[in-house]
Protein backbone atom coordinates (compact mmCIF):
# COMPACT_ATOMS: atom_id res chain seq x y z
CA MET A 1 -4.15 3.15 34.18
CA SER A 2 -5.07 4.32 30.85
CA ASN A 3 -2.69 5.54 28.26
CA CYS A 4 -4.45 7.78 25.34
CA ALA A 5 -2.76 9.18 22.22
CA ILE A 6 -4.08 12.51 20.29
CA VAL A 7 -2.98 12.52 17.23
CA GLY A 8 -3.20 14.39 13.55
CA ILE A 9 -4.90 12.39 10.85
CA ASN A 10 -4.25 15.03 7.90
CA TRP A 11 -1.41 17.13 7.22
CA GLY A 12 -1.29 18.86 10.66
CA ASP A 13 -3.07 22.25 11.97
CA GLU A 14 -6.14 19.65 13.09
CA GLY A 15 -6.82 21.12 16.24
CA LYS A 16 -4.78 18.73 18.63
CA GLY A 17 -4.07 21.38 21.21
CA ARG A 18 -7.41 22.13 21.77
CA MET A 19 -8.38 18.67 22.34
CA VAL A 20 -5.36 18.11 24.57
CA ASP A 21 -6.41 21.18 26.67
CA LEU A 22 -9.93 19.80 26.75
CA ILE A 23 -9.51 16.16 27.95
CA THR A 24 -6.43 16.70 30.04
CA LYS A 25 -8.61 16.86 33.46
CA ASP A 26 -8.89 13.00 32.66
CA TYR A 27 -5.15 12.59 32.80
CA ASP A 28 -2.20 13.03 35.17
CA VAL A 29 0.71 13.23 32.56
CA VAL A 30 0.97 14.74 29.10
CA VAL A 31 3.80 14.03 27.05
CA ARG A 32 5.02 15.60 23.57
CA TYR A 33 6.97 12.71 21.93
CA GLN A 34 8.43 14.07 18.94
CA GLY A 35 8.97 17.06 16.65
CA GLY A 36 10.31 20.69 17.92
CA SER A 37 9.38 24.03 17.68
CA ASN A 38 8.26 23.78 13.73
CA ALA A 39 4.52 23.56 14.49
CA GLY A 40 2.21 24.88 16.94
CA HIS A 41 -1.03 24.19 18.75
CA THR A 42 -3.29 27.20 19.49
CA VAL A 43 -5.16 26.82 22.85
CA ILE A 44 -7.82 29.16 24.05
CA ASN A 45 -8.87 29.07 27.57
CA GLU A 46 -9.03 31.04 31.01
CA TYR A 47 -5.20 32.10 30.65
CA GLY A 48 -6.06 33.50 26.93
CA LYS A 49 -4.84 32.68 23.60
CA HIS A 50 -1.53 30.93 23.42
CA ALA A 51 0.44 29.13 20.45
CA LEU A 52 2.27 26.41 21.82
CA HIS A 53 5.31 25.07 19.85
CA LEU A 54 7.23 22.92 22.29
CA VAL A 55 5.39 22.85 25.58
CA PRO A 56 2.58 20.24 26.10
CA SER A 57 -1.13 21.41 26.02
CA GLY A 58 -1.48 20.21 29.55
CA ILE A 59 0.46 22.91 31.06
CA PHE A 60 -2.73 24.84 31.72
CA SER A 61 -4.35 22.24 34.05
CA LYS A 62 -3.65 22.12 37.64
CA GLY A 63 -1.82 19.08 39.01
CA VAL A 64 -0.82 17.62 35.62
CA ALA A 65 2.74 16.84 34.96
CA ASN A 66 4.04 17.92 31.51
CA VAL A 67 6.63 16.03 29.70
CA LEU A 68 8.95 16.64 26.79
CA GLY A 69 10.35 13.00 25.83
CA CYS A 70 13.26 11.81 24.22
CA GLY A 71 11.62 11.82 20.63
CA VAL A 72 11.62 15.70 20.70
CA VAL A 73 14.15 18.12 19.61
CA ILE A 74 14.40 21.22 21.86
CA ASN A 75 15.69 24.88 20.78
CA LEU A 76 16.83 26.15 24.14
CA GLN A 77 15.78 30.03 23.21
CA SER A 78 12.58 29.02 21.87
CA LEU A 79 11.40 27.07 24.59
CA TRP A 80 12.70 29.53 27.24
CA GLY A 81 10.73 32.04 25.28
CA GLU A 82 7.53 30.10 25.53
CA LEU A 83 7.87 29.51 29.15
CA GLU A 84 8.22 33.19 30.10
CA LYS A 85 5.25 34.14 28.04
CA LEU A 86 3.24 31.52 29.96
CA MET A 87 4.52 32.33 33.01
CA GLU A 88 3.90 36.07 32.43
CA ALA A 89 0.33 35.27 31.80
CA GLY A 90 -0.14 33.45 35.28
CA VAL A 91 0.39 29.96 34.10
CA PRO A 92 2.47 27.92 36.97
CA VAL A 93 5.62 26.38 35.46
CA THR A 94 7.60 24.47 37.87
CA PRO A 95 9.92 21.64 37.94
CA GLU A 96 7.12 19.48 39.22
CA ASN A 97 4.42 20.05 36.37
CA PHE A 98 7.17 20.64 33.69
CA LYS A 99 10.01 18.08 32.71
CA ILE A 100 12.50 17.75 29.86
CA SER A 101 13.95 14.59 28.77
CA ASP A 102 17.71 14.41 29.58
CA ARG A 103 18.14 12.35 26.41
CA ALA A 104 16.04 15.04 24.16
CA ALA A 105 18.44 16.30 21.47
CA ILE A 106 19.21 20.19 21.27
CA THR A 107 18.47 22.02 18.08
CA MET A 108 21.58 24.55 18.19
CA PRO A 109 21.64 27.78 16.14
CA TYR A 110 23.75 25.92 13.48
CA HIS A 111 20.86 23.67 12.84
CA VAL A 112 18.60 26.70 11.62
CA ARG A 113 21.61 28.05 9.67
CA MET A 114 21.84 24.80 7.93
CA ASP A 115 18.28 24.64 7.21
CA GLN A 116 18.32 28.16 5.72
CA LEU A 117 21.32 27.24 3.61
CA GLU A 118 19.83 24.27 2.30
CA GLU A 119 16.56 25.95 1.40
CA GLN A 120 18.19 28.45 -0.36
CA ARG A 121 20.30 26.14 -2.32
CA LEU A 122 17.08 24.29 -3.46
CA LYS A 123 15.31 27.64 -4.41
CA ASP A 124 12.30 26.46 -6.45
CA LYS A 125 12.72 22.91 -5.61
CA LYS A 126 12.66 23.73 -1.84
CA TYR A 127 10.72 21.25 0.55
CA GLY A 128 8.89 24.22 2.41
CA SER A 129 10.68 23.85 5.75
CA THR A 130 9.67 26.00 8.35
CA LEU A 131 13.32 26.92 8.72
CA GLN A 132 13.64 25.98 12.41
CA GLY A 133 16.31 23.61 12.06
CA ILE A 134 14.22 20.37 12.25
CA ALA A 135 15.61 18.23 9.28
CA PRO A 136 19.35 19.08 10.38
CA VAL A 137 19.00 18.21 13.80
CA TYR A 138 17.03 15.03 13.39
CA SER A 139 19.63 14.07 10.52
CA ASP A 140 22.41 14.88 12.89
CA LYS A 141 20.77 12.52 15.75
CA TYR A 142 20.89 9.77 13.41
CA GLN A 143 24.46 10.51 12.96
CA LYS A 144 24.99 10.36 16.83
CA LYS A 145 26.36 14.33 16.34
CA THR A 146 24.25 16.03 18.67
CA ILE A 147 24.07 17.45 22.12
CA MET A 148 21.61 15.95 24.53
CA MET A 149 19.68 18.11 27.26
CA GLY A 150 21.38 15.90 30.07
CA GLU A 151 24.92 17.32 28.81
CA LEU A 152 23.72 20.77 30.20
CA LEU A 153 24.19 19.14 33.56
CA HIS A 154 27.85 17.85 32.54
CA PRO A 155 29.38 21.36 31.17
CA GLU A 156 32.72 20.27 30.42
CA TYR A 157 31.68 17.08 28.86
CA LEU A 158 29.47 19.33 26.46
CA LYS A 159 32.35 21.71 25.63
CA LYS A 160 34.38 18.96 24.34
CA ARG A 161 31.56 17.57 22.30
CA LEU A 162 30.51 20.57 20.89
CA LYS A 163 34.05 21.77 19.76
CA ASP A 164 34.26 18.16 18.19
CA ILE A 165 30.73 18.33 16.38
CA LEU A 166 31.20 22.38 15.44
CA GLU A 167 34.53 21.64 13.68
CA TRP A 168 32.43 18.99 11.39
CA LYS A 169 29.47 21.47 10.86
CA ASN A 170 31.93 24.19 9.89
CA LEU A 171 33.30 22.21 7.27
CA ILE A 172 30.06 21.45 5.63
CA MET A 173 29.15 25.22 6.01
CA THR A 174 32.15 26.69 4.66
CA GLY A 175 32.96 23.64 1.81
CA THR A 176 29.41 22.76 0.75
CA TYR A 177 27.47 26.32 0.98
CA GLY A 178 30.60 28.76 1.02
CA ALA A 179 29.08 30.44 4.07
CA GLU A 180 30.93 31.64 7.33
CA PRO A 181 31.85 29.51 9.64
CA MET A 182 30.48 29.86 13.38
CA ASP A 183 32.21 30.66 16.39
CA PHE A 184 32.62 28.21 19.00
CA ASP A 185 32.74 30.88 22.03
CA GLU A 186 29.53 32.51 20.73
CA LEU A 187 27.61 28.82 20.54
CA MET A 188 28.78 28.03 23.93
CA ALA A 189 27.61 31.68 25.07
CA TRP A 190 23.99 30.80 23.84
CA VAL A 191 23.94 27.31 25.28
CA GLU A 192 24.93 28.78 28.82
CA THR A 193 22.47 31.59 28.59
CA TYR A 194 19.34 29.48 28.04
CA GLY A 195 20.53 26.05 29.33
CA GLU A 196 21.15 27.74 32.63
CA LYS A 197 17.29 28.73 32.77
CA LEU A 198 16.18 25.18 31.63
CA LYS A 199 18.35 22.94 33.68
CA PRO A 200 16.32 23.02 36.63
CA PHE A 201 13.45 20.84 34.30
CA VAL A 202 16.04 18.49 32.98
CA CYS A 203 15.83 14.91 34.25
CA ASP A 204 15.30 11.27 33.63
CA THR A 205 11.66 11.47 32.31
CA ALA A 206 11.63 7.59 31.17
CA ALA A 207 11.95 6.68 34.99
CA PHE A 208 9.24 9.28 36.19
CA LEU A 209 7.03 7.94 33.48
CA ARG A 210 7.67 4.38 34.32
CA LYS A 211 7.04 5.26 37.97
CA ALA A 212 3.46 7.07 37.13
CA GLN A 213 2.72 4.11 35.27
CA LYS A 214 3.36 1.82 38.45
CA ASP A 215 1.44 4.17 40.49
CA GLY A 216 -1.52 3.36 38.21
CA LYS A 217 -1.51 7.41 36.67
CA ASN A 218 -3.08 8.02 33.38
CA ILE A 219 -0.85 9.32 30.48
CA LEU A 220 -2.01 11.43 27.49
CA PHE A 221 0.57 11.38 24.45
CA GLU A 222 0.52 14.54 22.41
CA ALA A 223 1.63 14.60 18.70
CA GLN A 224 2.90 17.09 16.29
CA LEU A 225 1.67 17.73 12.60
CA GLY A 226 -0.36 14.96 11.12
CA ALA A 227 -0.42 11.41 9.55
CA LEU A 228 0.59 13.10 6.10
CA ARG A 229 3.75 14.59 7.67
CA ASP A 230 5.10 11.54 9.07
CA LEU A 231 8.31 10.79 7.87
CA ASP A 232 7.84 6.98 6.74
CA LEU A 233 4.28 7.08 6.03
CA GLY A 234 3.54 10.69 4.93
CA ILE A 235 3.82 12.62 1.60
CA TYR A 236 7.67 12.13 1.55
CA PRO A 237 9.97 14.09 0.94
CA TYR A 238 7.40 16.87 2.00
CA THR A 239 7.04 15.65 5.26
CA THR A 240 8.66 16.65 8.88
CA SER A 241 11.56 14.42 10.08
CA SER A 242 9.95 12.74 12.66
CA ASN A 243 7.49 9.95 13.23
CA THR A 244 4.03 11.84 13.68
CA THR A 245 2.09 8.45 14.16
CA ALA A 246 0.54 7.02 17.34
CA GLY A 247 2.73 4.19 16.87
CA TYR A 248 6.04 5.86 17.97
CA ALA A 249 4.20 7.61 21.08
CA CYS A 250 5.61 5.07 23.51
CA VAL A 251 8.84 5.13 21.92
CA GLY A 252 9.29 9.02 21.92
CA ALA A 253 8.31 9.16 24.99
CA GLY A 254 10.94 6.94 26.74
CA ILE A 255 8.63 3.92 27.52
CA PRO A 256 8.46 1.79 24.55
CA GLY A 257 7.30 -1.22 26.21
CA SER A 258 3.80 0.62 26.89
CA ARG A 259 0.49 0.10 24.97
CA LEU A 260 -2.05 2.81 24.12
CA ASP A 261 -5.51 2.19 25.27
CA ARG A 262 -7.02 4.90 22.84
CA ILE A 263 -6.04 6.43 20.25
CA VAL A 264 -8.31 10.15 19.39
CA GLY A 265 -7.53 11.29 15.85
CA VAL A 266 -8.02 14.83 15.11
CA VAL A 267 -9.84 15.95 11.85
CA LYS A 268 -10.93 19.34 10.64
CA ALA A 269 -14.13 19.78 8.99
CA TYR A 270 -12.32 20.87 6.01
CA SER A 271 -8.83 20.34 4.85
CA THR A 272 -5.74 22.62 5.30
CA CYS A 273 -2.12 22.34 4.62
CA VAL A 274 1.10 24.60 5.45
CA GLY A 275 4.00 24.35 3.44
CA GLU A 276 5.06 22.85 0.13
CA GLY A 277 3.73 19.09 -1.25
CA PRO A 278 0.95 17.60 -2.93
CA PHE A 279 -2.52 18.79 -1.61
CA THR A 280 -5.14 17.16 -4.06
CA CYS A 281 -8.47 18.99 -2.68
CA GLU A 282 -6.66 22.53 -2.78
CA TRP A 283 -8.80 25.42 -3.66
CA PHE A 284 -7.34 28.86 -4.98
CA GLY A 285 -8.77 32.27 -5.58
CA LYS A 286 -11.72 34.10 -3.90
CA GLU A 287 -12.99 30.72 -2.72
CA ALA A 288 -10.09 29.64 -0.74
CA GLU A 289 -9.49 33.31 0.50
CA THR A 290 -13.15 33.38 2.07
CA LEU A 291 -12.85 29.92 3.88
CA ARG A 292 -8.99 30.98 5.01
CA GLU A 293 -10.24 34.13 6.55
CA ALA A 294 -13.41 32.24 8.12
CA GLY A 295 -11.38 29.74 9.83
CA GLY A 296 -8.27 31.98 10.55
CA GLU A 297 -5.99 29.87 8.97
CA TYR A 298 -2.52 30.92 9.30
CA GLY A 299 0.22 28.78 10.92
CA ALA A 300 0.90 29.04 14.48
CA SER A 301 4.63 28.97 14.10
CA THR A 302 5.16 30.57 10.95
CA GLY A 303 2.20 32.89 10.39
CA ARG A 304 1.92 31.57 6.85
CA PRO A 305 -1.48 31.31 5.35
CA ARG A 306 -2.69 27.82 5.02
CA ARG A 307 -3.52 26.10 2.04
CA VAL A 308 -7.20 25.14 2.52
CA GLY A 309 -9.78 23.10 0.46
CA PRO A 310 -12.83 20.54 1.15
CA ILE A 311 -12.69 17.70 3.64
CA ASP A 312 -10.68 14.86 1.82
CA TYR A 313 -12.17 11.50 2.37
CA VAL A 314 -9.27 9.45 0.84
CA ALA A 315 -6.30 11.46 2.68
CA THR A 316 -8.51 11.28 5.90
CA ARG A 317 -9.48 7.65 5.53
CA TYR A 318 -5.75 6.59 5.03
CA GLY A 319 -4.73 8.83 8.19
CA VAL A 320 -7.13 7.07 10.16
CA GLU A 321 -5.88 3.62 9.05
CA VAL A 322 -2.16 4.79 9.58
CA GLN A 323 -2.88 6.32 12.99
CA CYS A 324 -5.02 3.36 14.12
CA ALA A 325 -7.65 5.74 15.35
CA THR A 326 -9.91 4.41 17.80
CA GLU A 327 -12.25 7.43 17.58
CA ILE A 328 -12.31 11.03 15.94
CA ALA A 329 -12.53 14.77 17.14
CA LEU A 330 -13.89 16.50 14.09
CA THR A 331 -13.06 20.23 14.78
CA LYS A 332 -13.97 23.71 13.30
CA LEU A 333 -17.28 22.66 12.40
CA ASP A 334 -18.68 26.05 12.83
CA VAL A 335 -16.12 27.42 10.27
CA LEU A 336 -18.52 26.02 7.60
CA SER A 337 -21.75 27.85 8.77
CA TYR A 338 -21.27 30.46 6.12
CA MET A 339 -21.65 27.83 3.04
CA LYS A 340 -24.97 27.13 1.35
CA GLU A 341 -23.54 24.00 0.06
CA ILE A 342 -20.80 21.91 1.80
CA PRO A 343 -18.39 20.45 -0.86
CA ILE A 344 -16.49 16.87 -0.19
CA CYS A 345 -13.55 15.49 -1.92
CA VAL A 346 -15.07 11.84 -2.28
CA GLY A 347 -12.38 10.20 -4.27
CA TYR A 348 -9.56 10.80 -6.58
CA LYS A 349 -9.29 10.64 -10.25
CA LEU A 350 -5.79 9.27 -11.33
CA ASP A 351 -4.84 8.72 -15.34
CA GLY A 352 -8.63 8.74 -16.04
CA LYS A 353 -9.80 5.98 -13.49
CA ARG A 354 -11.53 6.67 -9.99
CA ILE A 355 -9.42 5.58 -7.00
CA ASP A 356 -10.38 5.55 -3.29
CA SER A 357 -7.26 4.68 -1.76
CA PHE A 358 -4.29 7.20 -1.03
CA PRO A 359 -1.93 6.89 -3.66
CA PHE A 360 2.13 6.59 -3.51
CA PRO A 361 3.59 10.06 -3.44
CA ALA A 362 4.80 10.00 -6.75
CA ASP A 363 1.39 9.92 -8.33
CA LEU A 364 -0.11 12.66 -6.13
CA ASP A 365 0.80 15.19 -8.48
CA ARG A 366 -1.40 13.81 -11.18
CA ALA A 367 -4.18 13.00 -8.93
CA GLU A 368 -7.54 15.10 -9.30
CA PRO A 369 -10.37 15.59 -6.90
CA ILE A 370 -13.98 14.30 -7.32
CA ILE A 371 -16.29 16.80 -5.52
CA GLU A 372 -19.60 16.06 -4.61
CA THR A 373 -21.64 18.52 -2.16
CA MET A 374 -24.32 18.12 0.69
CA PRO A 375 -26.48 21.05 1.73
CA GLY A 376 -25.20 23.69 4.21
CA TRP A 377 -26.90 24.93 7.27
CA ASN A 378 -26.27 28.42 6.94
CA CYS A 379 -26.66 29.55 10.62
CA ASP A 380 -24.19 29.93 13.69
CA ILE A 381 -24.07 26.68 15.63
CA SER A 382 -21.40 28.00 18.26
CA GLY A 383 -23.62 27.65 21.22
CA VAL A 384 -25.09 24.13 20.30
CA ARG A 385 -23.92 21.34 22.96
CA GLU A 386 -26.08 18.48 21.92
CA PHE A 387 -25.59 16.76 18.81
CA SER A 388 -29.46 16.28 18.19
CA LYS A 389 -29.75 20.05 18.26
CA LEU A 390 -27.19 20.73 15.49
CA PRO A 391 -29.06 21.73 12.07
CA GLU A 392 -30.30 18.17 10.38
CA ALA A 393 -27.77 19.56 7.46
CA ALA A 394 -24.78 19.80 10.12
CA GLN A 395 -25.71 16.23 11.73
CA ASN A 396 -25.76 14.79 8.28
CA TYR A 397 -22.37 16.25 7.36
CA VAL A 398 -21.07 14.85 10.46
CA LEU A 399 -22.56 11.22 9.76
CA ALA A 400 -21.48 11.09 6.28
CA ILE A 401 -17.80 11.69 7.29
CA GLU A 402 -18.20 9.16 9.83
CA LYS A 403 -19.32 6.50 7.64
CA ALA A 404 -16.81 7.37 4.48
CA ILE A 405 -13.68 7.05 7.25
CA GLY A 406 -14.84 4.10 9.04
CA CYS A 407 -14.29 5.50 12.52
CA PRO A 408 -16.65 6.71 15.09
CA ILE A 409 -16.68 10.68 15.69
CA THR A 410 -16.93 11.18 19.45
CA TYR A 411 -16.35 14.93 19.60
CA VAL A 412 -17.59 18.01 17.49
CA SER A 413 -16.10 21.20 17.85
CA VAL A 414 -18.03 23.93 17.26
CA GLY A 415 -15.87 27.03 18.54
CA ALA A 416 -12.51 27.54 19.51
CA ALA A 417 -13.08 28.05 23.28
CA ARG A 418 -12.30 24.69 25.56
CA GLU A 419 -16.43 24.50 26.07
CA GLU A 420 -17.37 24.99 22.48
CA ILE A 421 -17.54 21.33 22.11
CA ILE A 422 -20.26 18.75 21.69
CA LEU A 423 -19.49 14.97 23.12
CA ARG A 424 -21.29 12.32 21.37
């Protein structure tokens, strides 16, 4: 039995989905353990190009069970829409290969509405929410005011709970925001419409995972976003509302007594960031637009242009430490092939002094990047499958990152397709 987590080292969008898709063949179960439909994984394989938001990336692999753990929050409509697209593309989705924890919280329409109302109230002070209701549903979870997926199997109990919760929610919407109240019958119709379709997949996934472990199965834990968006250790308050770190994997999966044998941290060969918050190495203007277009840097969930810049050693080293990564997958190296010189953020300058450790979030707005460059390779590397056959400049770039972050790089992605990878 072997447990592995694939996690983001930076701000998210590092390429975790393509890595899960690649190594799922070595695992029997893939578990998403936190987050909701607010971020996406883009996977390209024989079924085509798919942007997954809730469904684990192992869904494309035959014989692999895919689980949404108790730490995930689930928008019924979004999830069903995602499953429909997969099935239309010929991807098998059955209760045998896709399972939803009965303890996962449901993201209700009023959570989405609350998210929108709060961002409108914040105006220019907004946190950059994806408006998917993620912060409101996690907030409600800790106030013990959410509906769990298992309640779909107990309709009368669900109706009573929803009626009580909606009374409280409407007090907030009308009293705090001056918005119209939401209607109970409409919400119940929404729950029944999409919940009925998803009920066959709902089960005690913790028991399923415990049995898988006893049977010696290999389990792969899949995270959303990256270390710098972690609620506790990220760039608060510009974070997500759950724990994106590998340390939460077993808890969010529902098997807290388990351990991880391997933690693969995913790092992009340059930096990207979606949403608000400090981003020390950010580029602007033509330089940013050229890199954004070369890498296709637009959010899988929102379509928003990603903020871009050179790789950031300070932030990446911190992400490696927070995630306790045992190895690194470096993605999108091929995107940098157009550059004659490759810029690197090797440190920060804060109040006139150089720092090499990631500062407290309140200090980040004053931090300035210290940039150095390395020679580029100026050629197409997408067909290379052996590290030694990469141009010397590309090898040197990878080795420099490896040394700076203090963690071995075992995968180097040179393209978006599953096979466009170098194994070291």
